[in-house]
Amino acid sequence: MEELIERKKSIEEVNLMPPLVWAYIGDSVYELYIRTKLVNATKLNPHRLHIESIKYVKASAQAETLTKIYDKLTEEEQEIVRRSRNAENHHLPKNATNADYMYSTAFEGLVGYLYLTKQDKRLKEILELD
């Protein structure tokens, strides 16, 4: 099956992107993953789907997920996490601690990096670890 959305950047180009760009796309990829998983597994109405999805995509939940899976990541993936976590972000979290926000950004950065570099098999493995 052809890709739904063509990912045109080379690995070299993705490596040169700021980690917050990885996190930007990773946020969307992860939210779509969670929403799809909930739609497939439940018969909830849209409002309940939204309430359930927030439990997974909020900063504290993503930070906890990263903590659980970190030791199962490769050295390269851990470096992506480190770069994403340390990215300078001027956004102040509204409903999260600074630490949770940094680690959720790191998780989103990893998801986005794997997505942009077309490492779909590994991305699926990581999303299914938790």
N, C-alpha and C. Protein backbone atom coordinates (compact mmCIF):
# COMPACT_ATOMS: atom_id res chain seq x y z
N MET A 1 0.85 -1.19 0.00
CA MET A 1 0.00 0.00 0.00
C MET A 1 0.88 1.25 0.00
N GLU A 2 0.53 2.17 -0.81
CA GLU A 2 1.27 3.42 -0.90
C GLU A 2 1.09 4.24 0.37
N GLU A 3 2.13 5.01 0.73
CA GLU A 3 2.03 5.88 1.91
C GLU A 3 0.88 6.85 1.78
N LEU A 4 0.17 7.05 2.85
CA LEU A 4 -0.91 8.03 2.87
C LEU A 4 -0.35 9.44 2.67
N ILE A 5 0.74 9.72 3.38
CA ILE A 5 1.41 11.02 3.29
C ILE A 5 2.87 10.75 2.97
N GLU A 6 3.34 11.32 1.88
CA GLU A 6 4.72 11.09 1.47
C GLU A 6 5.68 11.81 2.40
N ARG A 7 6.63 11.08 2.92
CA ARG A 7 7.69 11.65 3.76
C ARG A 7 8.92 11.79 2.88
N LYS A 8 9.24 13.01 2.49
CA LYS A 8 10.24 13.27 1.45
C LYS A 8 11.66 13.50 1.98
N LYS A 9 11.81 13.77 3.25
CA LYS A 9 13.11 14.14 3.78
C LYS A 9 14.02 12.91 3.90
N SER A 10 15.30 13.10 3.60
CA SER A 10 16.28 12.05 3.80
C SER A 10 16.63 11.97 5.28
N ILE A 11 17.26 10.88 5.68
CA ILE A 11 17.69 10.74 7.08
C ILE A 11 18.63 11.89 7.44
N GLU A 12 19.50 12.27 6.52
CA GLU A 12 20.44 13.36 6.77
C GLU A 12 19.69 14.67 7.03
N GLU A 13 18.65 14.93 6.23
CA GLU A 13 17.85 16.14 6.42
C GLU A 13 17.11 16.11 7.75
N VAL A 14 16.56 14.95 8.12
CA VAL A 14 15.85 14.82 9.39
C VAL A 14 16.81 15.04 10.55
N ASN A 15 18.02 14.51 10.44
CA ASN A 15 19.02 14.68 11.50
C ASN A 15 19.39 16.14 11.73
N LEU A 16 19.25 16.97 10.70
CA LEU A 16 19.59 18.39 10.82
C LEU A 16 18.42 19.24 11.34
N MET A 17 17.24 18.65 11.43
CA MET A 17 16.08 19.40 11.94
C MET A 17 16.24 19.64 13.44
N PRO A 18 15.69 20.74 13.92
CA PRO A 18 15.65 20.94 15.37
C PRO A 18 14.79 19.84 16.01
N PRO A 19 15.19 19.33 17.16
CA PRO A 19 14.40 18.30 17.84
C PRO A 19 12.95 18.70 18.12
N LEU A 20 12.68 19.99 18.26
CA LEU A 20 11.30 20.41 18.48
C LEU A 20 10.43 20.19 17.24
N VAL A 21 11.05 20.10 16.07
CA VAL A 21 10.30 19.75 14.86
C VAL A 21 9.91 18.28 14.92
N TRP A 22 10.84 17.43 15.38
CA TRP A 22 10.51 16.00 15.56
C TRP A 22 9.34 15.87 16.54
N ALA A 23 9.41 16.63 17.64
CA ALA A 23 8.35 16.56 18.65
C ALA A 23 7.03 17.07 18.09
N TYR A 24 7.09 18.08 17.26
CA TYR A 24 5.88 18.65 16.65
C TYR A 24 5.13 17.58 15.86
N ILE A 25 5.84 16.86 15.00
CA ILE A 25 5.19 15.82 14.21
C ILE A 25 4.89 14.60 15.08
N GLY A 26 5.76 14.31 16.04
CA GLY A 26 5.56 13.16 16.93
C GLY A 26 4.30 13.29 17.76
N ASP A 27 3.98 14.50 18.16
CA ASP A 27 2.75 14.76 18.91
C ASP A 27 1.53 14.31 18.10
N SER A 28 1.51 14.66 16.84
CA SER A 28 0.39 14.29 15.96
C SER A 28 0.35 12.79 15.69
N VAL A 29 1.50 12.21 15.43
CA VAL A 29 1.57 10.77 15.15
C VAL A 29 1.07 9.98 16.36
N TYR A 30 1.54 10.36 17.55
CA TYR A 30 1.14 9.63 18.75
C TYR A 30 -0.35 9.81 19.04
N GLU A 31 -0.85 11.02 18.87
CA GLU A 31 -2.28 11.24 19.10
C GLU A 31 -3.13 10.43 18.12
N LEU A 32 -2.72 10.37 16.86
CA LEU A 32 -3.45 9.56 15.88
C LEU A 32 -3.39 8.08 16.25
N TYR A 33 -2.22 7.62 16.71
CA TYR A 33 -2.08 6.23 17.15
C TYR A 33 -3.05 5.92 18.29
N ILE A 34 -3.09 6.76 19.30
CA ILE A 34 -3.97 6.55 20.46
C ILE A 34 -5.43 6.61 20.05
N ARG A 35 -5.80 7.60 19.26
CA ARG A 35 -7.20 7.72 18.82
C ARG A 35 -7.64 6.49 18.02
N THR A 36 -6.78 6.05 17.12
CA THR A 36 -7.10 4.87 16.31
C THR A 36 -7.23 3.63 17.19
N LYS A 37 -6.32 3.49 18.12
CA LYS A 37 -6.36 2.35 19.05
C LYS A 37 -7.68 2.35 19.84
N LEU A 38 -8.10 3.50 20.33
CA LEU A 38 -9.35 3.60 21.09
C LEU A 38 -10.57 3.32 20.22
N VAL A 39 -10.58 3.83 19.00
CA VAL A 39 -11.71 3.58 18.09
C VAL A 39 -11.81 2.10 17.78
N ASN A 40 -10.66 1.45 17.59
CA ASN A 40 -10.66 0.02 17.28
C ASN A 40 -11.06 -0.85 18.47
N ALA A 41 -10.77 -0.39 19.69
CA ALA A 41 -10.97 -1.22 20.87
C ALA A 41 -12.25 -0.92 21.65
N THR A 42 -12.93 0.18 21.32
CA THR A 42 -14.10 0.57 22.11
C THR A 42 -15.26 0.94 21.19
N LYS A 43 -16.38 1.21 21.82
CA LYS A 43 -17.56 1.72 21.11
C LYS A 43 -18.00 3.04 21.75
N LEU A 44 -17.01 3.82 22.18
CA LEU A 44 -17.30 5.08 22.86
C LEU A 44 -17.74 6.15 21.87
N ASN A 45 -18.53 7.10 22.39
CA ASN A 45 -18.91 8.24 21.55
C ASN A 45 -17.73 9.21 21.47
N PRO A 46 -17.75 10.17 20.56
CA PRO A 46 -16.60 11.06 20.38
C PRO A 46 -16.16 11.79 21.65
N HIS A 47 -17.10 12.23 22.47
CA HIS A 47 -16.71 12.92 23.70
C HIS A 47 -15.94 11.97 24.62
N ARG A 48 -16.43 10.76 24.81
CA ARG A 48 -15.73 9.79 25.67
C ARG A 48 -14.38 9.38 25.06
N LEU A 49 -14.33 9.28 23.74
CA LEU A 49 -13.05 8.99 23.08
C LEU A 49 -12.03 10.08 23.40
N HIS A 50 -12.48 11.32 23.36
CA HIS A 50 -11.60 12.44 23.68
C HIS A 50 -11.11 12.35 25.13
N ILE A 51 -12.03 12.10 26.05
CA ILE A 51 -11.67 11.99 27.47
C ILE A 51 -10.66 10.86 27.69
N GLU A 52 -10.89 9.73 27.05
CA GLU A 52 -9.96 8.59 27.19
C GLU A 52 -8.61 8.89 26.56
N SER A 53 -8.60 9.53 25.40
CA SER A 53 -7.33 9.79 24.72
C SER A 53 -6.44 10.73 25.53
N ILE A 54 -7.06 11.67 26.24
CA ILE A 54 -6.28 12.61 27.05
C ILE A 54 -5.46 11.87 28.11
N LYS A 55 -5.98 10.77 28.61
CA LYS A 55 -5.26 9.99 29.62
C LYS A 55 -3.91 9.50 29.11
N TYR A 56 -3.79 9.33 27.80
CA TYR A 56 -2.56 8.83 27.19
C TYR A 56 -1.66 9.91 26.64
N VAL A 57 -2.26 10.98 26.13
CA VAL A 57 -1.45 11.99 25.43
C VAL A 57 -1.03 13.17 26.30
N LYS A 58 -1.53 13.25 27.53
CA LYS A 58 -1.09 14.34 28.40
C LYS A 58 0.39 14.16 28.76
N ALA A 59 1.02 15.25 29.10
CA ALA A 59 2.47 15.25 29.34
C ALA A 59 2.90 14.23 30.38
N SER A 60 2.20 14.15 31.49
CA SER A 60 2.62 13.22 32.55
C SER A 60 2.55 11.77 32.08
N ALA A 61 1.56 11.43 31.28
CA ALA A 61 1.43 10.06 30.77
C ALA A 61 2.54 9.74 29.78
N GLN A 62 2.87 10.70 28.91
CA GLN A 62 3.94 10.47 27.95
C GLN A 62 5.29 10.36 28.66
N ALA A 63 5.50 11.18 29.69
CA ALA A 63 6.74 11.11 30.46
C ALA A 63 6.86 9.74 31.13
N GLU A 64 5.77 9.25 31.67
CA GLU A 64 5.76 7.93 32.31
C GLU A 64 6.03 6.83 31.29
N THR A 65 5.44 6.95 30.12
CA THR A 65 5.68 5.96 29.05
C THR A 65 7.15 5.93 28.68
N LEU A 66 7.76 7.10 28.52
CA LEU A 66 9.18 7.15 28.17
C LEU A 66 10.02 6.49 29.26
N THR A 67 9.70 6.74 30.51
CA THR A 67 10.45 6.14 31.61
C THR A 67 10.36 4.61 31.55
N LYS A 68 9.18 4.09 31.25
CA LYS A 68 8.98 2.64 31.18
C LYS A 68 9.76 1.97 30.05
N ILE A 69 9.86 2.65 28.92
CA ILE A 69 10.46 2.02 27.74
C ILE A 69 11.92 2.37 27.53
N TYR A 70 12.44 3.34 28.28
CA TYR A 70 13.77 3.89 28.00
C TYR A 70 14.85 2.83 27.87
N ASP A 71 14.88 1.86 28.77
CA ASP A 71 15.92 0.83 28.76
C ASP A 71 15.81 -0.10 27.56
N LYS A 72 14.70 -0.07 26.87
CA LYS A 72 14.50 -0.92 25.69
C LYS A 72 14.87 -0.19 24.40
N LEU A 73 15.29 1.05 24.52
CA LEU A 73 15.67 1.83 23.34
C LEU A 73 17.13 1.57 22.98
N THR A 74 17.44 1.70 21.70
CA THR A 74 18.82 1.59 21.26
C THR A 74 19.59 2.83 21.71
N GLU A 75 20.91 2.78 21.61
CA GLU A 75 21.72 3.95 21.96
C GLU A 75 21.36 5.15 21.08
N GLU A 76 21.12 4.89 19.80
CA GLU A 76 20.74 5.98 18.89
C GLU A 76 19.40 6.59 19.32
N GLU A 77 18.44 5.75 19.68
CA GLU A 77 17.13 6.25 20.13
C GLU A 77 17.26 7.02 21.43
N GLN A 78 18.12 6.56 22.33
CA GLN A 78 18.34 7.28 23.58
C GLN A 78 18.98 8.65 23.31
N GLU A 79 19.81 8.73 22.29
CA GLU A 79 20.41 10.02 21.90
C GLU A 79 19.34 10.96 21.34
N ILE A 80 18.41 10.42 20.56
CA ILE A 80 17.29 11.22 20.04
C ILE A 80 16.48 11.76 21.22
N VAL A 81 16.22 10.90 22.20
CA VAL A 81 15.49 11.31 23.41
C VAL A 81 16.24 12.42 24.13
N ARG A 82 17.54 12.24 24.30
CA ARG A 82 18.35 13.24 25.01
C ARG A 82 18.30 14.58 24.29
N ARG A 83 18.48 14.55 22.97
CA ARG A 83 18.44 15.79 22.20
C ARG A 83 17.08 16.47 22.29
N SER A 84 16.03 15.67 22.23
CA SER A 84 14.67 16.24 22.30
C SER A 84 14.37 16.79 23.69
N ARG A 85 14.81 16.08 24.71
CA ARG A 85 14.56 16.52 26.09
C ARG A 85 15.28 17.83 26.38
N ASN A 86 16.47 17.99 25.82
CA ASN A 86 17.28 19.17 26.11
C ASN A 86 17.03 20.34 25.15
N ALA A 87 16.12 20.15 24.21
CA ALA A 87 15.82 21.23 23.26
C ALA A 87 15.25 22.42 24.01
N GLU A 88 15.74 23.60 23.66
CA GLU A 88 15.26 24.81 24.34
C GLU A 88 13.86 25.14 23.85
N ASN A 89 12.95 25.12 24.77
CA ASN A 89 11.55 25.39 24.45
C ASN A 89 11.07 26.52 25.35
N HIS A 90 10.55 27.55 24.76
CA HIS A 90 10.10 28.70 25.55
C HIS A 90 8.64 28.59 25.97
N HIS A 91 8.05 27.47 25.65
CA HIS A 91 6.65 27.25 26.03
C HIS A 91 6.60 26.76 27.48
N LEU A 92 5.80 27.40 28.28
CA LEU A 92 5.63 26.97 29.67
C LEU A 92 4.40 26.07 29.75
N PRO A 93 4.55 24.89 30.34
CA PRO A 93 3.42 23.97 30.43
C PRO A 93 2.32 24.52 31.34
N LYS A 94 1.08 24.29 30.91
CA LYS A 94 -0.06 24.78 31.69
C LYS A 94 -0.50 23.74 32.72
N ASN A 95 -0.57 22.49 32.32
CA ASN A 95 -1.10 21.44 33.20
C ASN A 95 -0.08 20.34 33.46
N ALA A 96 1.21 20.71 33.48
CA ALA A 96 2.25 19.71 33.70
C ALA A 96 3.43 20.35 34.41
N THR A 97 4.22 19.52 35.03
CA THR A 97 5.47 20.02 35.61
C THR A 97 6.46 20.25 34.49
N ASN A 98 7.48 21.04 34.75
CA ASN A 98 8.52 21.25 33.73
C ASN A 98 9.19 19.93 33.36
N ALA A 99 9.44 19.08 34.37
CA ALA A 99 10.09 17.78 34.10
C ALA A 99 9.21 16.91 33.21
N ASP A 100 7.92 16.81 33.53
CA ASP A 100 7.02 16.01 32.69
C ASP A 100 6.97 16.56 31.28
N TYR A 101 6.96 17.87 31.17
CA TYR A 101 6.89 18.49 29.85
C TYR A 101 8.15 18.18 29.04
N MET A 102 9.31 18.24 29.69
CA MET A 102 10.56 17.94 29.00
C MET A 102 10.59 16.48 28.53
N TYR A 103 10.13 15.57 29.40
CA TYR A 103 10.16 14.16 29.04
C TYR A 103 9.07 13.80 28.03
N SER A 104 7.95 14.48 28.08
CA SER A 104 6.93 14.23 27.06
C SER A 104 7.41 14.76 25.71
N THR A 105 8.10 15.89 25.71
CA THR A 105 8.69 16.41 24.48
C THR A 105 9.73 15.43 23.94
N ALA A 106 10.50 14.82 24.83
CA ALA A 106 11.50 13.82 24.43
C ALA A 106 10.82 12.61 23.79
N PHE A 107 9.72 12.15 24.39
CA PHE A 107 8.98 11.02 23.84
C PHE A 107 8.42 11.38 22.46
N GLU A 108 7.81 12.54 22.34
CA GLU A 108 7.26 12.99 21.06
C GLU A 108 8.38 13.16 20.03
N GLY A 109 9.54 13.62 20.47
CA GLY A 109 10.68 13.76 19.57
C GLY A 109 11.10 12.42 18.99
N LEU A 110 11.14 11.40 19.85
CA LEU A 110 11.49 10.06 19.39
C LEU A 110 10.46 9.54 18.39
N VAL A 111 9.19 9.68 18.72
CA VAL A 111 8.12 9.23 17.82
C VAL A 111 8.21 9.96 16.48
N GLY A 112 8.40 11.26 16.52
CA GLY A 112 8.50 12.05 15.30
C GLY A 112 9.72 11.69 14.47
N TYR A 113 10.84 11.48 15.14
CA TYR A 113 12.07 11.10 14.43
C TYR A 113 11.89 9.77 13.71
N LEU A 114 11.36 8.79 14.41
CA LEU A 114 11.16 7.48 13.79
C LEU A 114 10.18 7.57 12.62
N TYR A 115 9.15 8.37 12.80
CA TYR A 115 8.16 8.56 11.73
C TYR A 115 8.81 9.22 10.51
N LEU A 116 9.51 10.33 10.73
CA LEU A 116 10.10 11.08 9.62
C LEU A 116 11.18 10.29 8.89
N THR A 117 11.88 9.41 9.60
CA THR A 117 12.93 8.60 8.97
C THR A 117 12.38 7.26 8.46
N LYS A 118 11.06 7.14 8.45
CA LYS A 118 10.35 5.99 7.89
C LYS A 118 10.70 4.67 8.58
N GLN A 119 11.02 4.74 9.85
CA GLN A 119 11.31 3.53 10.63
C GLN A 119 10.01 3.02 11.25
N ASP A 120 9.06 2.71 10.39
CA ASP A 120 7.70 2.38 10.82
C ASP A 120 7.63 1.12 11.67
N LYS A 121 8.41 0.11 11.33
CA LYS A 121 8.40 -1.13 12.10
C LYS A 121 8.87 -0.87 13.53
N ARG A 122 9.95 -0.12 13.67
CA ARG A 122 10.47 0.19 15.01
C ARG A 122 9.51 1.12 15.76
N LEU A 123 8.92 2.06 15.06
CA LEU A 123 7.95 2.95 15.69
C LEU A 123 6.79 2.14 16.26
N LYS A 124 6.29 1.20 15.49
CA LYS A 124 5.19 0.35 15.95
C LYS A 124 5.61 -0.45 17.18
N GLU A 125 6.83 -1.01 17.16
CA GLU A 125 7.34 -1.77 18.31
C GLU A 125 7.37 -0.90 19.57
N ILE A 126 7.86 0.31 19.43
CA ILE A 126 7.97 1.22 20.58
C ILE A 126 6.59 1.62 21.09
N LEU A 127 5.67 1.93 20.19
CA LEU A 127 4.34 2.32 20.62
C LEU A 127 3.60 1.17 21.31
N GLU A 128 3.94 -0.04 20.97
CA GLU A 128 3.29 -1.19 21.57
C GLU A 128 4.00 -1.71 22.82
N LEU A 129 5.12 -1.09 23.21
CA LEU A 129 5.85 -1.51 24.42
C LEU A 129 5.09 -1.24 25.70
N ASP A 130 4.40 -0.12 25.74
CA ASP A 130 3.75 0.30 26.98
C ASP A 130 2.49 -0.49 27.25
